Amino acid sequence: MATKKSCDNGSQRNADTVICESLKVIKRDKKTAESRYTSNYTLQQSKETARGYKICCLDKAEESHNVYQDIMSCVTLENYKKSEIIQKNIDAYIKKDDDIDKLINDSSKLLNEMRIKIEEAHNAACAMSNCIKNKVLPKSGKPSKDGKIGEVEHELKEILDKTKELDEKGQNAFESIVTIAGIHTFTNTVSLKGFAAKLMDSVKNFKTCVDANIKSTATDVVTSREELNTIVNELAQIICDKKTEATIGNGLESVIEFVCESDCEDGCIDLCKDIGNCYDSDQDHEQKGKDRRRRKQSNDKN
């Protein structure tokens, strides 16, 4: 086996010292790669947790957006349309109420005039009947031979009965229209106009609120999706960086194993066992060889 020389001899540079110095650089680079690998592994776990959180946020945002859309479709639009119909119908009822009020007043006036005329006609018929009885018909009350007086009395009675009947019906009609007018006074459909306006305003405010929530939740969905995509891109970069550092570490590990542990038929130098600044002892050398192989296996799996 070749002669071993110390790597601390800076005055002479030979194959041993060059290889030893190169091993120091390789070991330093390997530790750097391992450190970066560990850092990227930790960062990967952090990003995976963040990805899960962003997926949850996206699910909640989509769920909220769907809920508000369902409220708009199944509740808001239907009630908004019904409120419009109610308000429109109430306006129509108020107009009809005004028309009814005018008809009641006109009918009441006409019925009152008719009632007065019928009453006057009945009074006139009574006066005429009394006049005929006192001035024309015989006071004895006996019918005439030709029967004319009986006919006159019969006709007078029919006239009085008709005028009396008309007077009673006119009075009843007038009293009925007065009753209708009294009932109509308490309907007060005009008061419903304020209620319809308040109902319409409330439903409109509710619709505006649902619209605003649909827009805000839609924005939340877009934002959550963009944030999730950003996390996924960052995670992909971190995984690639971690794999790169693992590859670099494994490559440097292979170089170290080749220099320090490979068996050569021509008796190549084994620097790591005899040069003090490479490893402290044979036992340390063997333990570190085992550690290297274990880390390599772990890196291959990850």
Foldseek 3Di string as FASTA:
>chain_A
DDDFDALVPPVDDDPNVVVLVVLVVLVVLLVVLVVLLVVLVVVLVVLVVVLVVLVVLLVVLVVLLVVLVCCVVPPQVVLLVVLVVVLVVLVVVVVVLVVVLVVLVVVLVVLVVQLVVLVVQLVVLVVVLVCCQVPPDDPVPDADPVRPVVVVNVVSVVSNVVSVVSNVVSVVSNVVSVVVNVVSVPVPSVVVNVVSVVSNVVSVVVSVVSVVSSVVSVVSNVVSVVVSVVSVVVSVVSVVSSLVSLVSSLVSLVVCCCQAPDDDPVDDDRNCAPHCVNDPHPVRVVVVNVVSVVSNVVSVVD
